[in-house]
Amino acid sequence: MAGNNVARMSPRQRMINLMYIVLTAMLALNVSSDVLNGFSQVHDSISRTNKNIAERNAAQFRYLESLYRENPAKVKELYKRGKSVRERSQKLFNNIEELKVAIAVATDGKDADYNNLKNLDDLESSSVIMLNPTTQRGKKLREAIESYKAFIVEMIPDADKRKAVAEMLSTTIEKRPGGPNSWEQKMFENMPSVAAITMLTKIQTDIHQAESEAMSNLILGVDMDDVHMNEFGAYVIPNSRTIIRGGKYSAQIVLAAVDTTARPIIYVNGSKLNNPNGIFEFVPGASGSHEFSGYIELPLADGSLQKHPFKSSYTVIEPMATISPTMMNVLYAGIDNPISISVPGVPMSDIQASITGGSLTRTGDHWVARVSQVGSEATISVSAQLEGRAQNVGAMTFRVRKLPDPMPFISMKDASGNAVNYKGAPKRISKAALIGAEGLGAAIDDDILNVSYSVVSFSTIFFDQMGNAMPEVSNGSKFSERQREQFKRLKPGKSFFISNVKAKGPDGITRDIPPMEVALN
């Protein structure tokens, strides 16, 4: 382990350590602007979807109100439950809206707009707001979602739909060693502010969807033979308004109330929709925002046709993969380099990756890259299964570098019998500890890289009373007998040098590493 005597390091060594820490911090904060801008696009799209679903839910509730006014005796109980659904959904939606504002203010200041964040790569604000142990906003949100889920599923009698809504609002996570311990930690710890706000907006969409499902079931529960239908509305209900290029857009086009004896006819962009269930789907081509429109023809009892126009939009985004080395923005030759790979919206089981100039292995959700050619480049390419076919979603090129030089040390035991690594002056050791040591080791143990090296050879340099240097050569990584004889003749307070240290790393490169001074008590 690295020593804790930073104050007594040489100025050169302290400067090297400081530069290494600064570089690591800069690389760790180097979040891709493309990925962050992608989150902004997704957030804008989800917000538009939220608005449309909110309008649909409001229309459904107004329709339930009209049914109640026409026949209060029969619709009273269903209207009462619908009002409760409306109020509970809006309360949770507003609570999440306050959290989004709080994260935005923590990110950009009091005049912040979460729809137009400036500090997209802020990694602290979401944790500060949601994971504060005093306010526990993340925990309270999880509990509120769980309470809302238990309430809303009771409004949905269909078992399959009830299960789908429960899974959509689930806060259960799969716990893994070293992973997050709670839903709120997984959602908000070290998460860019723009990503945290996007996920909160996605939860708001789930709430609207659950509210819509519950409201639809309440309306269907009204005996339509006793209630005269006098209001119709055309709606486009997309599975998603944001599609990865190569994926499928799917939407259902319906009326708020339908007479099953007179099935409506749907026209989209001037063409008749030949789907009796009103499902409109296609595979979009070009990226960007697109619109479509049409109308629904409903035959009336007098033989005439009533038209109900509709309009909707969708956004096609380019596929994008997130590829990042766990340690830093380079790959080191000869060792395992942990790599994190993910594709937003795609499960890990549908992601594949490969690397040039090395090997890339996968264990569960984790990847390890091994490369060997120092000075070359290695490219990681990622593909994903989209709508049943493989599609390239991104690639990243890394420089392959030689491992940094290690530091030598003498492995010995302290006064309590614990194993310690002595790394030289100004710290001093006892003569007994030195004589009990077997030889010299070398390693990088800076808590970022932990790599052991094999010492090939080294020399010790002693000085006699006349100041003449007396070098002695080691027996590989072990102290030779002549070196041990010199140790026995050392007097308290004296010192000697270990130099010409050659060490071989896991990359197969033998290198000269810095000398060290050994000082006795």
Protein backbone atom coordinates (compact mmCIF):
# COMPACT_ATOMS: atom_id res chain seq x y z
CA MET A 1 0.00 0.00 0.00
CA ALA A 2 1.11 3.56 -0.59
CA GLY A 3 2.79 5.23 2.37
CA ASN A 4 1.11 8.06 4.25
CA ASN A 5 4.22 10.24 4.66
CA VAL A 6 3.26 12.66 1.87
CA ALA A 7 4.81 15.62 3.67
CA ARG A 8 8.24 13.99 3.55
CA MET A 9 8.14 12.99 -0.16
CA SER A 10 10.63 14.58 -2.49
CA PRO A 11 9.30 17.68 -4.35
CA ARG A 12 9.60 15.78 -7.64
CA GLN A 13 7.54 12.84 -6.38
CA ARG A 14 4.88 15.11 -4.93
CA MET A 15 4.58 16.94 -8.25
CA ILE A 16 4.22 13.64 -10.15
CA ASN A 17 1.49 12.49 -7.74
CA LEU A 18 -0.38 15.79 -8.02
CA MET A 19 -0.28 15.79 -11.83
CA TYR A 20 -1.50 12.16 -11.87
CA ILE A 21 -4.47 12.99 -9.61
CA VAL A 22 -5.46 16.07 -11.66
CA LEU A 23 -5.25 14.12 -14.92
CA THR A 24 -7.40 11.31 -13.50
CA ALA A 25 -10.02 13.78 -12.27
CA MET A 26 -10.14 15.55 -15.64
CA LEU A 27 -10.56 12.26 -17.49
CA ALA A 28 -13.22 11.03 -15.09
CA LEU A 29 -15.25 14.22 -15.72
CA ASN A 30 -14.91 13.98 -19.50
CA VAL A 31 -18.53 13.07 -20.16
CA SER A 32 -19.36 12.95 -23.86
CA SER A 33 -21.32 16.06 -24.94
CA ASP A 34 -23.10 13.94 -27.57
CA VAL A 35 -24.50 11.63 -24.88
CA LEU A 36 -25.59 14.61 -22.72
CA ASN A 37 -27.24 16.33 -25.69
CA GLY A 38 -28.94 13.01 -26.45
CA PHE A 39 -30.49 13.07 -22.98
CA SER A 40 -31.77 16.62 -23.68
CA GLN A 41 -33.43 15.41 -26.90
CA VAL A 42 -35.00 12.44 -25.12
CA HIS A 43 -36.24 14.71 -22.30
CA ASP A 44 -37.87 17.10 -24.79
CA SER A 45 -39.58 14.20 -26.54
CA ILE A 46 -40.83 12.65 -23.28
CA SER A 47 -42.12 16.08 -22.16
CA ARG A 48 -44.18 16.36 -25.36
CA THR A 49 -45.54 12.87 -24.78
CA ASN A 50 -46.42 13.86 -21.19
CA LYS A 51 -48.35 16.84 -22.47
CA ASN A 52 -50.35 14.74 -24.94
CA ILE A 53 -51.16 12.02 -22.40
CA ALA A 54 -52.15 14.68 -19.85
CA GLU A 55 -54.58 16.18 -22.40
CA ARG A 56 -55.98 12.71 -23.11
CA ASN A 57 -56.40 12.00 -19.37
CA ALA A 58 -58.14 15.35 -18.89
CA ALA A 59 -60.50 14.52 -21.77
CA GLN A 60 -61.23 11.11 -20.25
CA PHE A 61 -62.04 12.68 -16.88
CA ARG A 62 -64.27 15.31 -18.51
CA TYR A 63 -66.08 12.51 -20.30
CA LEU A 64 -66.55 10.63 -17.01
CA GLU A 65 -67.87 13.88 -15.49
CA SER A 66 -70.38 14.22 -18.34
CA LEU A 67 -71.54 10.65 -17.75
CA TYR A 68 -71.97 11.44 -14.07
CA ARG A 69 -74.03 14.56 -14.82
CA GLU A 70 -76.30 12.59 -17.15
CA ASN A 71 -76.84 9.68 -14.77
CA PRO A 72 -75.47 10.47 -11.26
CA ALA A 73 -77.18 7.52 -9.61
CA LYS A 74 -75.39 4.91 -11.74
CA VAL A 75 -72.06 6.70 -12.27
CA LYS A 76 -71.57 8.24 -8.80
CA GLU A 77 -69.26 5.54 -7.41
CA LEU A 78 -67.17 5.29 -10.59
CA TYR A 79 -66.89 9.08 -10.77
CA LYS A 80 -65.78 9.20 -7.14
CA ARG A 81 -63.03 6.65 -7.84
CA GLY A 82 -62.03 8.49 -11.01
CA LYS A 83 -61.70 11.74 -9.09
CA SER A 84 -59.49 9.99 -6.54
CA VAL A 85 -57.31 8.61 -9.36
CA ARG A 86 -57.04 12.09 -10.86
CA GLU A 87 -56.06 13.75 -7.57
CA ARG A 88 -53.55 11.07 -6.48
CA SER A 89 -51.88 11.07 -9.90
CA GLN A 90 -51.62 14.86 -10.04
CA LYS A 91 -50.21 15.06 -6.51
CA LEU A 92 -47.40 12.60 -7.28
CA PHE A 93 -46.76 14.28 -10.65
CA ASN A 94 -46.41 17.69 -8.94
CA ASN A 95 -44.09 16.22 -6.29
CA ILE A 96 -41.75 14.97 -9.03
CA GLU A 97 -41.99 18.36 -10.77
CA GLU A 98 -40.69 20.02 -7.57
CA LEU A 99 -37.75 17.59 -7.47
CA LYS A 100 -36.85 18.42 -11.08
CA VAL A 101 -36.85 22.12 -10.26
CA ALA A 102 -34.70 21.51 -7.16
CA ILE A 103 -32.09 19.56 -9.16
CA ALA A 104 -32.04 22.28 -11.84
CA VAL A 105 -31.54 25.03 -9.23
CA ALA A 106 -28.72 23.04 -7.59
CA THR A 107 -27.14 22.68 -11.05
CA ASP A 108 -27.54 26.17 -12.60
CA GLY A 109 -28.65 28.46 -9.77
CA LYS A 110 -31.95 30.10 -8.78
CA ASP A 111 -32.89 31.12 -12.35
CA ALA A 112 -32.42 27.59 -13.69
CA ASP A 113 -34.72 26.01 -16.29
CA TYR A 114 -34.70 22.21 -16.24
CA ASN A 115 -35.78 22.22 -19.89
CA ASN A 116 -32.60 24.12 -20.82
CA LEU A 117 -29.79 23.15 -18.43
CA LYS A 118 -26.42 24.83 -18.91
CA ASN A 119 -24.21 22.52 -16.82
CA LEU A 120 -25.25 19.28 -18.50
CA ASP A 121 -22.30 17.33 -17.06
CA ASP A 122 -23.01 18.20 -13.41
CA LEU A 123 -22.56 14.89 -11.51
CA GLU A 124 -23.30 16.11 -7.97
CA SER A 125 -26.63 17.96 -7.89
CA SER A 126 -28.90 14.92 -8.34
CA SER A 127 -27.10 13.11 -5.48
CA VAL A 128 -27.23 16.22 -3.25
CA ILE A 129 -30.98 16.67 -3.76
CA MET A 130 -32.13 13.04 -3.86
CA LEU A 131 -29.68 11.20 -1.58
CA ASN A 132 -29.31 13.72 1.26
CA PRO A 133 -29.61 11.59 4.46
CA THR A 134 -31.42 14.45 6.20
CA THR A 135 -34.18 15.18 3.66
CA GLN A 136 -34.27 11.63 2.16
CA ARG A 137 -36.12 12.90 -0.91
CA GLY A 138 -35.12 9.88 -3.00
CA LYS A 139 -36.43 7.46 -0.36
CA LYS A 140 -39.65 9.45 0.05
CA LEU A 141 -40.17 9.45 -3.72
CA ARG A 142 -39.68 5.67 -3.85
CA GLU A 143 -42.21 5.19 -1.03
CA ALA A 144 -44.68 7.54 -2.76
CA ILE A 145 -44.39 5.59 -6.03
CA GLU A 146 -44.89 2.30 -4.21
CA SER A 147 -47.97 3.68 -2.41
CA TYR A 148 -49.38 5.02 -5.70
CA LYS A 149 -48.74 1.68 -7.44
CA ALA A 150 -50.65 -0.22 -4.71
CA PHE A 151 -53.54 2.26 -5.09
CA ILE A 152 -53.73 2.39 -8.90
CA VAL A 153 -53.54 -1.37 -9.63
CA GLU A 154 -56.70 -1.85 -7.55
CA MET A 155 -58.49 0.24 -10.20
CA ILE A 156 -57.50 -2.16 -13.01
CA PRO A 157 -59.46 -5.45 -13.01
CA ASP A 158 -57.67 -7.05 -16.01
CA ALA A 159 -54.82 -9.23 -14.63
CA ASP A 160 -52.45 -8.68 -17.57
CA LYS A 161 -52.92 -4.90 -17.59
CA ARG A 162 -52.61 -4.77 -13.80
CA LYS A 163 -49.31 -6.68 -14.03
CA ALA A 164 -48.02 -4.37 -16.78
CA VAL A 165 -48.79 -1.24 -14.73
CA ALA A 166 -47.20 -2.77 -11.61
CA GLU A 167 -44.00 -3.55 -13.53
CA MET A 168 -43.98 -0.06 -15.08
CA LEU A 169 -44.10 1.53 -11.60
CA SER A 170 -41.77 -1.01 -9.96
CA THR A 171 -38.95 0.31 -7.75
CA THR A 172 -37.38 -3.09 -7.18
CA ILE A 173 -33.73 -3.42 -8.21
CA GLU A 174 -31.43 -6.40 -8.58
CA LYS A 175 -28.73 -6.10 -5.95
CA ARG A 176 -25.20 -7.09 -6.91
CA PRO A 177 -21.95 -7.04 -4.92
CA GLY A 178 -20.55 -3.52 -5.12
CA GLY A 179 -23.72 -2.22 -6.81
CA PRO A 180 -26.40 0.19 -5.56
CA ASN A 181 -28.29 -0.81 -2.41
CA SER A 182 -31.54 0.99 -3.22
CA TRP A 183 -33.65 2.21 -6.13
CA GLU A 184 -32.85 5.84 -5.34
CA GLN A 185 -29.10 5.15 -5.25
CA LYS A 186 -29.26 3.42 -8.65
CA MET A 187 -31.30 6.27 -10.14
CA PHE A 188 -29.44 9.31 -8.79
CA GLU A 189 -25.94 8.51 -7.48
CA ASN A 190 -23.24 10.12 -9.70
CA MET A 191 -25.89 10.77 -12.34
CA PRO A 192 -25.61 13.84 -14.63
CA SER A 193 -28.35 16.35 -13.81
CA VAL A 194 -29.80 16.17 -17.33
CA ALA A 195 -30.07 12.36 -17.04
CA ALA A 196 -31.67 12.52 -13.56
CA ILE A 197 -34.28 15.04 -14.76
CA THR A 198 -34.96 12.92 -17.86
CA MET A 199 -35.59 9.84 -15.69
CA LEU A 200 -37.91 11.82 -13.40
CA THR A 201 -39.84 12.98 -16.48
CA LYS A 202 -40.03 9.34 -17.60
CA ILE A 203 -41.57 8.45 -14.19
CA GLN A 204 -44.13 11.23 -14.73
CA THR A 205 -45.00 9.62 -18.08
CA ASP A 206 -45.47 6.26 -16.32
CA ILE A 207 -47.82 7.93 -13.83
CA HIS A 208 -49.86 9.45 -16.67
CA GLN A 209 -49.98 6.07 -18.44
CA ALA A 210 -51.15 4.33 -15.24
CA GLU A 211 -53.76 7.06 -14.69
CA SER A 212 -54.98 6.61 -18.28
CA GLU A 213 -55.28 2.84 -17.89
CA ALA A 214 -57.24 3.20 -14.65
CA MET A 215 -59.49 5.92 -16.09
CA SER A 216 -60.20 3.82 -19.20
CA ASN A 217 -61.31 0.90 -17.03
CA LEU A 218 -63.59 3.17 -14.98
CA ILE A 219 -65.21 4.51 -18.15
CA LEU A 220 -65.65 0.98 -19.51
CA GLY A 221 -67.35 0.10 -16.22
CA VAL A 222 -70.23 2.45 -17.01
CA ASP A 223 -73.28 0.68 -18.45
CA MET A 224 -73.45 2.38 -21.85
CA ASP A 225 -77.06 1.28 -22.38
CA ASP A 226 -78.03 3.69 -19.62
CA VAL A 227 -75.82 6.58 -20.71
CA HIS A 228 -76.17 8.49 -23.96
CA MET A 229 -72.82 9.10 -25.66
CA ASN A 230 -72.71 12.61 -27.10
CA GLU A 231 -69.01 13.47 -27.15
CA PHE A 232 -66.24 11.98 -29.26
CA GLY A 233 -62.53 12.66 -29.51
CA ALA A 234 -59.77 11.29 -31.74
CA TYR A 235 -56.47 10.37 -30.07
CA VAL A 236 -53.09 9.03 -31.18
CA ILE A 237 -51.55 6.80 -28.49
CA PRO A 238 -47.92 6.01 -29.36
CA ASN A 239 -45.87 3.40 -27.54
CA SER A 240 -43.07 5.94 -27.71
CA ARG A 241 -42.49 9.22 -29.52
CA THR A 242 -38.72 8.67 -29.61
CA ILE A 243 -37.41 5.92 -31.88
CA ILE A 244 -33.86 4.77 -32.50
CA ARG A 245 -33.25 4.71 -36.22
CA GLY A 246 -33.92 1.16 -37.36
CA GLY A 247 -36.53 0.65 -34.64
CA LYS A 248 -40.33 0.56 -35.15
CA TYR A 249 -42.83 3.34 -34.45
CA SER A 250 -46.11 1.97 -33.10
CA ALA A 251 -49.23 3.95 -32.17
CA GLN A 252 -52.90 3.26 -31.62
CA ILE A 253 -55.43 5.71 -33.08
CA VAL A 254 -58.77 5.59 -31.26
CA LEU A 255 -61.90 7.49 -30.30
CA ALA A 256 -62.67 8.18 -26.66
CA ALA A 257 -66.02 6.36 -27.10
CA VAL A 258 -66.75 3.80 -29.81
CA ASP A 259 -69.94 2.09 -30.97
CA THR A 260 -68.92 -1.51 -31.72
CA THR A 261 -71.77 -1.85 -34.25
CA ALA A 262 -70.29 0.96 -36.36
CA ARG A 263 -66.52 0.52 -36.53
CA PRO A 264 -64.84 3.85 -37.51
CA ILE A 265 -62.65 4.18 -40.63
CA ILE A 266 -59.18 5.72 -40.13
CA TYR A 267 -57.18 7.70 -42.67
CA VAL A 268 -53.52 8.63 -42.12
CA ASN A 269 -51.81 11.09 -44.48
CA GLY A 270 -54.60 10.53 -47.00
CA SER A 271 -54.42 6.70 -46.98
CA LYS A 272 -56.89 4.33 -45.36
CA LEU A 273 -55.51 2.40 -42.37
CA ASN A 274 -56.15 -1.29 -43.00
CA ASN A 275 -56.03 -2.38 -39.38
CA PRO A 276 -59.33 -3.13 -37.58
CA ASN A 277 -57.74 -2.41 -34.18
CA GLY A 278 -56.55 1.06 -35.20
CA ILE A 279 -52.84 0.27 -34.83
CA PHE A 280 -50.60 2.43 -37.01
CA GLU A 281 -46.98 1.31 -37.29
CA PHE A 282 -44.05 1.67 -39.67
CA VAL A 283 -40.23 1.71 -39.73
CA PRO A 284 -39.03 5.35 -39.95
CA GLY A 285 -35.99 6.24 -42.02
CA ALA A 286 -34.49 9.71 -41.57
CA SER A 287 -33.51 11.10 -38.17
CA GLY A 288 -35.21 14.20 -36.75
CA SER A 289 -38.73 15.36 -35.84
CA HIS A 290 -41.65 14.28 -38.07
CA GLU A 291 -45.41 14.81 -38.07
CA PHE A 292 -48.39 12.93 -39.45
CA SER A 293 -52.11 13.69 -39.49
CA GLY A 294 -55.41 12.24 -40.58
CA TYR A 295 -59.01 11.80 -39.55
CA ILE A 296 -61.49 9.19 -38.31
CA GLU A 297 -64.78 8.69 -40.15
CA LEU A 298 -67.66 7.57 -37.93
CA PRO A 299 -70.93 6.47 -39.57
CA LEU A 300 -73.98 7.93 -37.86
CA ALA A 301 -77.46 6.46 -37.54
CA ASP A 302 -78.82 8.68 -40.36
CA GLY A 303 -76.23 7.30 -42.79
CA SER A 304 -73.99 10.38 -42.77
CA LEU A 305 -70.27 10.37 -41.87
CA GLN A 306 -68.76 12.40 -39.05
CA LYS A 307 -65.04 13.27 -39.32
CA HIS A 308 -62.73 13.65 -36.31
CA PRO A 309 -59.29 14.99 -37.31
CA PHE A 310 -56.07 14.17 -35.45
CA LYS A 311 -52.41 15.16 -35.61
CA SER A 312 -49.31 13.77 -33.88
CA SER A 313 -45.51 13.82 -34.09
CA TYR A 314 -42.53 11.60 -33.37
CA THR A 315 -38.74 11.95 -33.13
CA VAL A 316 -36.18 9.59 -34.63
CA ILE A 317 -32.78 9.65 -32.92
CA GLU A 318 -29.53 8.07 -34.02
CA PRO A 319 -28.51 4.89 -32.15
CA MET A 320 -25.94 5.67 -29.51
CA ALA A 321 -23.83 3.51 -27.25
CA THR A 322 -22.08 4.54 -24.06
CA ILE A 323 -18.57 3.09 -23.88
CA SER A 324 -16.27 4.10 -21.04
CA PRO A 325 -13.20 2.58 -19.40
CA THR A 326 -13.79 2.13 -15.69
CA MET A 327 -10.26 3.21 -14.71
CA MET A 328 -9.44 6.12 -17.08
CA ASN A 329 -9.55 7.16 -20.70
CA VAL A 330 -6.78 4.79 -21.88
CA LEU A 331 -6.19 1.06 -22.18
CA TYR A 332 -3.03 -0.41 -20.62
CA ALA A 333 -1.19 -3.24 -22.26
CA GLY A 334 -0.89 -6.57 -20.47
CA ILE A 335 -3.60 -6.13 -17.81
CA ASP A 336 -7.38 -6.45 -17.47
CA ASN A 337 -9.02 -3.09 -18.32
CA PRO A 338 -12.60 -2.97 -16.95
CA ILE A 339 -14.99 -1.40 -19.52
CA SER A 340 -18.56 -0.18 -19.06
CA ILE A 341 -20.81 -0.56 -22.13
CA SER A 342 -24.52 0.31 -22.34
CA VAL A 343 -27.10 1.41 -24.90
CA PRO A 344 -29.99 3.57 -23.59
CA GLY A 345 -33.29 1.72 -23.91
CA VAL A 346 -31.71 -1.65 -24.79
CA PRO A 347 -31.32 -4.50 -22.23
CA MET A 348 -27.78 -5.72 -21.60
CA SER A 349 -28.65 -9.17 -22.97
CA ASP A 350 -29.23 -7.62 -26.42
CA ILE A 351 -25.86 -5.83 -26.57
CA GLN A 352 -22.74 -7.24 -28.26
CA ALA A 353 -19.26 -5.70 -28.49
CA SER A 354 -15.88 -6.44 -30.08
CA ILE A 355 -12.39 -4.91 -30.05
CA THR A 356 -9.56 -4.62 -32.56
CA GLY A 357 -6.01 -5.45 -31.55
CA GLY A 358 -6.96 -7.40 -28.43
CA SER A 359 -9.71 -9.36 -26.70
CA LEU A 360 -12.97 -8.27 -25.06
CA THR A 361 -14.65 -10.68 -22.65
CA ARG A 362 -17.95 -10.36 -20.86
CA THR A 363 -19.11 -11.58 -17.46
CA GLY A 364 -22.73 -10.65 -16.76
CA ASP A 365 -23.03 -6.90 -17.35
CA HIS A 366 -19.28 -6.27 -17.07
CA TRP A 367 -16.62 -6.25 -19.79
CA VAL A 368 -12.83 -6.63 -19.65
CA ALA A 369 -10.49 -5.54 -22.45
CA ARG A 370 -6.95 -6.91 -22.87
CA VAL A 371 -4.50 -5.37 -25.34
CA SER A 372 -0.78 -5.90 -25.90
CA GLN A 373 0.60 -3.64 -28.65
CA VAL A 374 1.89 -0.49 -26.90
CA GLY A 375 1.50 2.67 -29.00
CA SER A 376 -1.25 1.25 -31.19
CA GLU A 377 -4.98 1.99 -31.17
CA ALA A 378 -7.84 -0.31 -30.16
CA THR A 379 -11.42 0.30 -31.31
CA ILE A 380 -14.42 -1.06 -29.41
CA SER A 381 -17.52 -1.49 -31.61
CA VAL A 382 -20.99 -2.07 -30.17
CA SER A 383 -24.10 -3.55 -31.78
CA ALA A 384 -27.59 -4.11 -30.38
CA GLN A 385 -30.66 -6.17 -31.27
CA LEU A 386 -33.33 -3.69 -32.41
CA GLU A 387 -36.68 -5.09 -33.51
CA GLY A 388 -35.15 -8.54 -34.00
CA ARG A 389 -32.08 -7.54 -36.02
CA ALA A 390 -28.55 -6.52 -35.13
CA GLN A 391 -27.56 -2.88 -35.71
CA ASN A 392 -24.31 -0.98 -35.10
CA VAL A 393 -24.91 1.65 -32.42
CA GLY A 394 -21.48 3.13 -31.74
CA ALA A 395 -17.72 2.77 -31.54
CA MET A 396 -14.84 4.35 -29.61
CA THR A 397 -11.08 4.30 -30.25
CA PHE A 398 -8.54 4.13 -27.40
CA ARG A 399 -4.80 4.59 -27.26
CA VAL A 400 -2.87 1.59 -25.93
CA ARG A 401 -0.24 2.71 -23.45
CA LYS A 402 2.57 1.13 -21.55
CA LEU A 403 1.95 0.63 -17.86
CA PRO A 404 3.49 3.34 -15.63
CA ASP A 405 6.73 2.51 -13.84
CA PRO A 406 6.27 0.91 -10.42
CA MET A 407 7.97 1.91 -7.18
CA PRO A 408 10.38 -0.49 -5.41
CA PHE A 409 9.80 -1.62 -1.84
CA ILE A 410 11.15 -4.03 0.76
CA SER A 411 8.47 -6.34 2.14
CA MET A 412 8.94 -6.92 5.89
CA LYS A 413 7.09 -7.18 9.17
CA ASP A 414 6.60 -4.38 11.67
CA ALA A 415 6.91 -4.66 15.46
CA SER A 416 3.39 -6.14 15.65
CA GLY A 417 4.14 -8.82 13.07
CA ASN A 418 2.06 -7.17 10.33
CA ALA A 419 3.32 -7.24 6.74
CA VAL A 420 4.37 -3.77 5.52
CA ASN A 421 6.09 -2.45 2.41
CA TYR A 422 9.02 -0.16 3.20
CA LYS A 423 9.52 2.39 0.40
CA GLY A 424 12.65 4.14 1.62
CA ALA A 425 13.83 7.30 3.35
CA PRO A 426 12.97 9.56 5.02
CA LYS A 427 11.20 6.76 6.90
CA ARG A 428 13.62 4.54 8.87
CA ILE A 429 13.53 0.84 9.72
CA SER A 430 15.20 -1.38 12.26
CA LYS A 431 18.27 -3.44 11.41
CA ALA A 432 16.44 -6.60 12.52
CA ALA A 433 13.56 -5.93 10.12
CA LEU A 434 16.02 -5.40 7.26
CA ILE A 435 17.89 -8.63 7.96
CA GLY A 436 14.57 -10.51 8.17
CA ALA A 437 13.46 -9.30 4.71
CA GLU A 438 13.91 -11.62 1.73
CA GLY A 439 14.44 -9.14 -1.08
CA LEU A 440 12.97 -6.40 -3.21
CA GLY A 441 9.48 -6.07 -4.73
CA ALA A 442 7.88 -3.51 -7.06
CA ALA A 443 4.28 -2.47 -7.71
CA ILE A 444 1.86 0.27 -8.69
CA ASP A 445 -0.56 0.65 -5.78
CA ASP A 446 -2.08 4.12 -6.17
CA ASP A 447 -5.70 2.92 -5.67
CA ILE A 448 -6.38 3.44 -9.40
CA LEU A 449 -4.01 0.84 -10.79
CA ASN A 450 -2.98 -2.04 -8.55
CA VAL A 451 -0.40 -3.98 -10.52
CA SER A 452 2.45 -6.17 -9.26
CA TYR A 453 5.83 -6.36 -11.04
CA SER A 454 8.59 -8.97 -10.90
CA VAL A 455 11.99 -7.61 -9.89
CA VAL A 456 14.67 -9.04 -12.20
CA SER A 457 17.80 -7.64 -10.52
CA PHE A 458 19.11 -4.75 -8.44
CA SER A 459 22.27 -3.50 -6.74
CA THR A 460 23.00 -2.19 -3.26
CA ILE A 461 25.56 0.55 -2.72
CA PHE A 462 27.33 0.86 0.66
CA PHE A 463 29.98 3.40 1.64
CA ASP A 464 33.03 2.64 3.78
CA GLN A 465 34.64 5.00 6.29
CA MET A 466 36.64 6.65 3.51
CA GLY A 467 33.50 7.35 1.51
CA ASN A 468 34.26 4.73 -1.13
CA ALA A 469 31.22 3.10 -2.77
CA MET A 470 30.94 -0.70 -2.47
CA PRO A 471 28.26 -2.05 -4.82
CA GLU A 472 26.83 -5.54 -4.40
CA VAL A 473 24.61 -7.38 -6.90
CA SER A 474 21.39 -9.17 -5.88
CA ASN A 475 20.39 -12.75 -6.49
CA GLY A 476 17.45 -11.91 -8.79
CA SER A 477 14.79 -10.33 -6.59
CA LYS A 478 16.43 -11.73 -3.42
CA PHE A 479 19.21 -10.26 -1.33
CA SER A 480 22.51 -12.04 -2.01
CA GLU A 481 24.72 -13.40 0.78
CA ARG A 482 27.25 -10.62 0.24
CA GLN A 483 24.48 -8.04 0.59
CA ARG A 484 23.29 -9.65 3.82
CA GLU A 485 26.85 -9.56 5.19
CA GLN A 486 26.88 -5.82 4.51
CA PHE A 487 23.55 -5.46 6.35
CA LYS A 488 25.07 -7.08 9.45
CA ARG A 489 27.97 -4.58 9.44
CA LEU A 490 25.68 -1.54 9.21
CA LYS A 491 25.64 0.65 12.29
CA PRO A 492 22.53 2.39 13.70
CA GLY A 493 21.62 5.59 11.88
CA LYS A 494 23.49 4.57 8.72
CA SER A 495 21.93 4.23 5.27
CA PHE A 496 22.62 2.70 1.87
CA PHE A 497 21.13 2.87 -1.61
CA ILE A 498 19.33 0.35 -3.83
CA SER A 499 19.80 1.22 -7.51
CA ASN A 500 19.93 -0.30 -10.99
CA VAL A 501 16.52 -1.86 -10.26
CA LYS A 502 15.05 -3.73 -13.22
CA ALA A 503 11.43 -4.91 -13.03
CA LYS A 504 9.19 -6.76 -15.47
CA GLY A 505 5.47 -5.97 -15.66
CA PRO A 506 2.48 -8.03 -16.85
CA ASP A 507 2.90 -6.32 -20.25
CA GLY A 508 6.19 -8.23 -20.67
CA ILE A 509 8.31 -5.05 -20.68
CA THR A 510 11.41 -4.95 -18.46
CA ARG A 511 12.21 -1.43 -17.33
CA ASP A 512 14.58 0.49 -15.06
CA ILE A 513 12.73 1.97 -12.11
CA PRO A 514 13.72 4.68 -9.61
CA PRO A 515 16.26 3.88 -6.84
CA MET A 516 15.51 4.06 -3.15
CA GLU A 517 17.45 4.97 -0.02
CA VAL A 518 17.29 2.63 2.97
CA ALA A 519 17.87 4.30 6.36
CA LEU A 520 18.27 2.46 9.67
CA ASN A 521 16.97 3.62 13.01
